[in-house]
Amino acid sequence: RQLRASGSKVRANCFSPGLITSTGLFRNQNPIFVNIFGFAATNVLRVATSISQGGDNLISMIFDGDLGETGGLFVANDPGKPSSPFSPKEPSKEAKNMDLASALWDLSEKCVELKSKVK
């Protein structure tokens, strides 16, 4: 939104690769919990996806010409349904909050020690 408001031709989108339990993100958790959660999410509940499928989602987003022209989208599978279509979804109310977006933009500028011309 900040880029578009400034007149920039750069477009940015966000995506979720899905719940991938085998990436090591849970490495600081109890190993018993990690193994049980990974097994249950993948094999019992079938809400988790593979690293490969998460990567395929990113690749499909990259090569979708319509997404590159639009910008400002959140693209994902339906929550808990890794085999559902990977498509734009309605963002959360927090994602649509302009005050939070502005604060995140400012914090990001501070973190990378840059001041953009976008406002």
C-alpha atoms as a PDB file:
ATOM      1  CA  ARG A   1       0.000   0.000   0.000  1.00  0.00           C
ATOM      2  CA  GLN A   2       2.839   2.362   0.843  1.00  0.00           C
ATOM      3  CA  LEU A   3       4.534   1.663  -2.487  1.00  0.00           C
ATOM      4  CA  ARG A   4       1.366   2.131  -4.511  1.00  0.00           C
ATOM      5  CA  ALA A   5       0.466   5.340  -2.652  1.00  0.00           C
ATOM      6  CA  SER A   6       3.877   6.776  -3.524  1.00  0.00           C
ATOM      7  CA  GLY A   7       3.369   6.078  -7.226  1.00  0.00           C
ATOM      8  CA  SER A   8       5.928   3.258  -7.315  1.00  0.00           C
ATOM      9  CA  LYS A   9       5.556   0.600 -10.002  1.00  0.00           C
ATOM     10  CA  VAL A  10       6.903  -2.025  -7.583  1.00  0.00           C
ATOM     11  CA  ARG A  11       4.263  -4.517  -6.465  1.00  0.00           C
ATOM     12  CA  ALA A  12       4.562  -6.737  -3.399  1.00  0.00           C
ATOM     13  CA  ASN A  13       2.480  -9.715  -2.344  1.00  0.00           C
ATOM     14  CA  CYS A  14       2.571 -11.968   0.704  1.00  0.00           C
ATOM     15  CA  PHE A  15       2.076 -15.719   0.837  1.00  0.00           C
ATOM     16  CA  SER A  16       1.792 -18.590   3.260  1.00  0.00           C
ATOM     17  CA  PRO A  17       3.455 -21.830   2.185  1.00  0.00           C
ATOM     18  CA  GLY A  18       1.181 -23.711   4.589  1.00  0.00           C
ATOM     19  CA  LEU A  19       1.888 -25.517   7.844  1.00  0.00           C
ATOM     20  CA  ILE A  20       5.213 -27.286   7.285  1.00  0.00           C
ATOM     21  CA  THR A  21       6.186 -29.235  10.392  1.00  0.00           C
ATOM     22  CA  SER A  22       9.482 -30.624   9.079  1.00  0.00           C
ATOM     23  CA  THR A  23      11.488 -27.403   8.615  1.00  0.00           C
ATOM     24  CA  GLY A  24      13.052 -27.146  12.059  1.00  0.00           C
ATOM     25  CA  LEU A  25      10.959 -24.165  13.161  1.00  0.00           C
ATOM     26  CA  PHE A  26      10.019 -26.156  16.258  1.00  0.00           C
ATOM     27  CA  ARG A  27      13.615 -27.158  17.026  1.00  0.00           C
ATOM     28  CA  ASN A  28      13.596 -25.402  20.417  1.00  0.00           C
ATOM     29  CA  GLN A  29      10.471 -27.231  21.551  1.00  0.00           C
ATOM     30  CA  ASN A  30      10.282 -30.523  23.394  1.00  0.00           C
ATOM     31  CA  PRO A  31      11.256 -33.202  20.816  1.00  0.00           C
ATOM     32  CA  ILE A  32       8.416 -35.474  21.946  1.00  0.00           C
ATOM     33  CA  PHE A  33       5.897 -32.682  21.278  1.00  0.00           C
ATOM     34  CA  VAL A  34       7.495 -31.928  17.903  1.00  0.00           C
ATOM     35  CA  ASN A  35       7.279 -35.553  16.764  1.00  0.00           C
ATOM     36  CA  ILE A  36       3.716 -36.046  17.989  1.00  0.00           C
ATOM     37  CA  PHE A  37       2.557 -32.718  16.526  1.00  0.00           C
ATOM     38  CA  GLY A  38       4.278 -33.392  13.194  1.00  0.00           C
ATOM     39  CA  PHE A  39       2.789 -36.885  12.936  1.00  0.00           C
ATOM     40  CA  ALA A  40      -0.708 -35.756  13.945  1.00  0.00           C
ATOM     41  CA  ALA A  41      -0.763 -32.663  11.704  1.00  0.00           C
ATOM     42  CA  THR A  42       0.570 -34.567   8.688  1.00  0.00           C
ATOM     43  CA  ASN A  43      -0.886 -38.075   8.959  1.00  0.00           C
ATOM     44  CA  VAL A  44      -3.964 -37.877  11.198  1.00  0.00           C
ATOM     45  CA  LEU A  45      -5.478 -34.417  10.750  1.00  0.00           C
ATOM     46  CA  ARG A  46      -3.918 -33.872   7.305  1.00  0.00           C
ATOM     47  CA  VAL A  47      -3.582 -30.119   7.849  1.00  0.00           C
ATOM     48  CA  ALA A  48       0.182 -29.945   7.259  1.00  0.00           C
ATOM     49  CA  THR A  49       1.946 -29.777   3.925  1.00  0.00           C
ATOM     50  CA  SER A  50       5.372 -30.801   2.700  1.00  0.00           C
ATOM     51  CA  ILE A  51       8.372 -28.585   2.091  1.00  0.00           C
ATOM     52  CA  SER A  52       8.000 -29.423  -1.592  1.00  0.00           C
ATOM     53  CA  GLN A  53       4.347 -28.333  -1.731  1.00  0.00           C
ATOM     54  CA  GLY A  54       5.161 -25.116   0.134  1.00  0.00           C
ATOM     55  CA  GLY A  55       7.877 -24.430  -2.450  1.00  0.00           C
ATOM     56  CA  ASP A  56       5.471 -25.211  -5.276  1.00  0.00           C
ATOM     57  CA  ASN A  57       3.101 -22.600  -3.843  1.00  0.00           C
ATOM     58  CA  LEU A  58       5.852 -19.981  -3.975  1.00  0.00           C
ATOM     59  CA  ILE A  59       6.764 -20.959  -7.545  1.00  0.00           C
ATOM     60  CA  SER A  60       3.137 -20.724  -8.684  1.00  0.00           C
ATOM     61  CA  MET A  61       2.906 -17.268  -7.129  1.00  0.00           C
ATOM     62  CA  ILE A  62       6.088 -16.125  -8.880  1.00  0.00           C
ATOM     63  CA  PHE A  63       4.920 -17.245 -12.314  1.00  0.00           C
ATOM     64  CA  ASP A  64       1.327 -16.002 -12.020  1.00  0.00           C
ATOM     65  CA  GLY A  65       1.412 -12.877 -14.192  1.00  0.00           C
ATOM     66  CA  ASP A  66      -1.792 -11.486 -12.680  1.00  0.00           C
ATOM     67  CA  LEU A  67      -0.287 -11.404  -9.175  1.00  0.00           C
ATOM     68  CA  GLY A  68       2.682  -9.377 -10.364  1.00  0.00           C
ATOM     69  CA  GLU A  69       0.421  -6.700 -11.737  1.00  0.00           C
ATOM     70  CA  THR A  70      -1.914  -6.542  -8.750  1.00  0.00           C
ATOM     71  CA  GLY A  71       0.192  -6.339  -5.593  1.00  0.00           C
ATOM     72  CA  GLY A  72      -1.014  -6.071  -2.019  1.00  0.00           C
ATOM     73  CA  LEU A  73      -2.430  -9.594  -1.954  1.00  0.00           C
ATOM     74  CA  PHE A  74      -2.217 -12.431   0.565  1.00  0.00           C
ATOM     75  CA  VAL A  75      -2.018 -15.754  -1.288  1.00  0.00           C
ATOM     76  CA  ALA A  76      -2.490 -19.125   0.430  1.00  0.00           C
ATOM     77  CA  ASN A  77      -4.341 -22.422   0.558  1.00  0.00           C
ATOM     78  CA  ASP A  78      -7.488 -22.539   2.662  1.00  0.00           C
ATOM     79  CA  PRO A  79      -6.503 -22.878   6.353  1.00  0.00           C
ATOM     80  CA  GLY A  80      -6.078 -26.512   7.296  1.00  0.00           C
ATOM     81  CA  LYS A  81      -6.682 -27.686   3.719  1.00  0.00           C
ATOM     82  CA  PRO A  82      -3.271 -28.039   2.046  1.00  0.00           C
ATOM     83  CA  SER A  83      -4.742 -29.498  -1.146  1.00  0.00           C
ATOM     84  CA  SER A  84      -7.168 -26.592  -1.678  1.00  0.00           C
ATOM     85  CA  PRO A  85      -6.433 -24.087  -4.460  1.00  0.00           C
ATOM     86  CA  PHE A  86      -3.543 -21.709  -3.821  1.00  0.00           C
ATOM     87  CA  SER A  87      -5.230 -18.363  -4.405  1.00  0.00           C
ATOM     88  CA  PRO A  88      -5.680 -14.832  -3.027  1.00  0.00           C
ATOM     89  CA  LYS A  89      -7.433 -14.773   0.353  1.00  0.00           C
ATOM     90  CA  GLU A  90      -9.088 -12.068   2.418  1.00  0.00           C
ATOM     91  CA  PRO A  91      -6.458 -10.581   4.757  1.00  0.00           C
ATOM     92  CA  SER A  92      -7.060 -10.444   8.499  1.00  0.00           C
ATOM     93  CA  LYS A  93      -8.446  -7.306  10.119  1.00  0.00           C
ATOM     94  CA  GLU A  94      -4.947  -6.646  11.531  1.00  0.00           C
ATOM     95  CA  ALA A  95      -3.478  -6.775   8.033  1.00  0.00           C
ATOM     96  CA  LYS A  96      -6.002  -4.170   6.878  1.00  0.00           C
ATOM     97  CA  ASN A  97      -5.269  -1.809   9.792  1.00  0.00           C
ATOM     98  CA  MET A  98      -3.524   1.233   8.284  1.00  0.00           C
ATOM     99  CA  ASP A  99      -2.114   2.383  11.640  1.00  0.00           C
ATOM    100  CA  LEU A 100      -0.453  -0.989  12.190  1.00  0.00           C
ATOM    101  CA  ALA A 101       0.787  -1.019   8.594  1.00  0.00           C
ATOM    102  CA  SER A 102       2.357   2.404   9.009  1.00  0.00           C
ATOM    103  CA  ALA A 103       3.998   1.404  12.291  1.00  0.00           C
ATOM    104  CA  LEU A 104       5.400  -1.754  10.662  1.00  0.00           C
ATOM    105  CA  TRP A 105       6.744   0.303   7.753  1.00  0.00           C
ATOM    106  CA  ASP A 106       8.465   2.702  10.161  1.00  0.00           C
ATOM    107  CA  LEU A 107       9.904  -0.138  12.247  1.00  0.00           C
ATOM    108  CA  SER A 108      11.177  -1.878   9.101  1.00  0.00           C
ATOM    109  CA  GLU A 109      12.943   1.310   8.028  1.00  0.00           C
ATOM    110  CA  LYS A 110      14.625   1.525  11.425  1.00  0.00           C
ATOM    111  CA  CYS A 111      15.666  -2.145  11.349  1.00  0.00           C
ATOM    112  CA  VAL A 112      17.413  -1.785   7.998  1.00  0.00           C
ATOM    113  CA  GLU A 113      18.658   1.723   8.832  1.00  0.00           C
ATOM    114  CA  LEU A 114      17.129   3.259   5.732  1.00  0.00           C
ATOM    115  CA  LYS A 115      14.688   6.067   5.236  1.00  0.00           C
ATOM    116  CA  SER A 116      12.488   5.610   2.189  1.00  0.00           C
ATOM    117  CA  LYS A 117      10.848   8.316   0.149  1.00  0.00           C
ATOM    118  CA  VAL A 118       7.577   6.404   0.439  1.00  0.00           C
ATOM    119  CA  LYS A 119       4.976   7.766   2.855  1.00  0.00           C
END
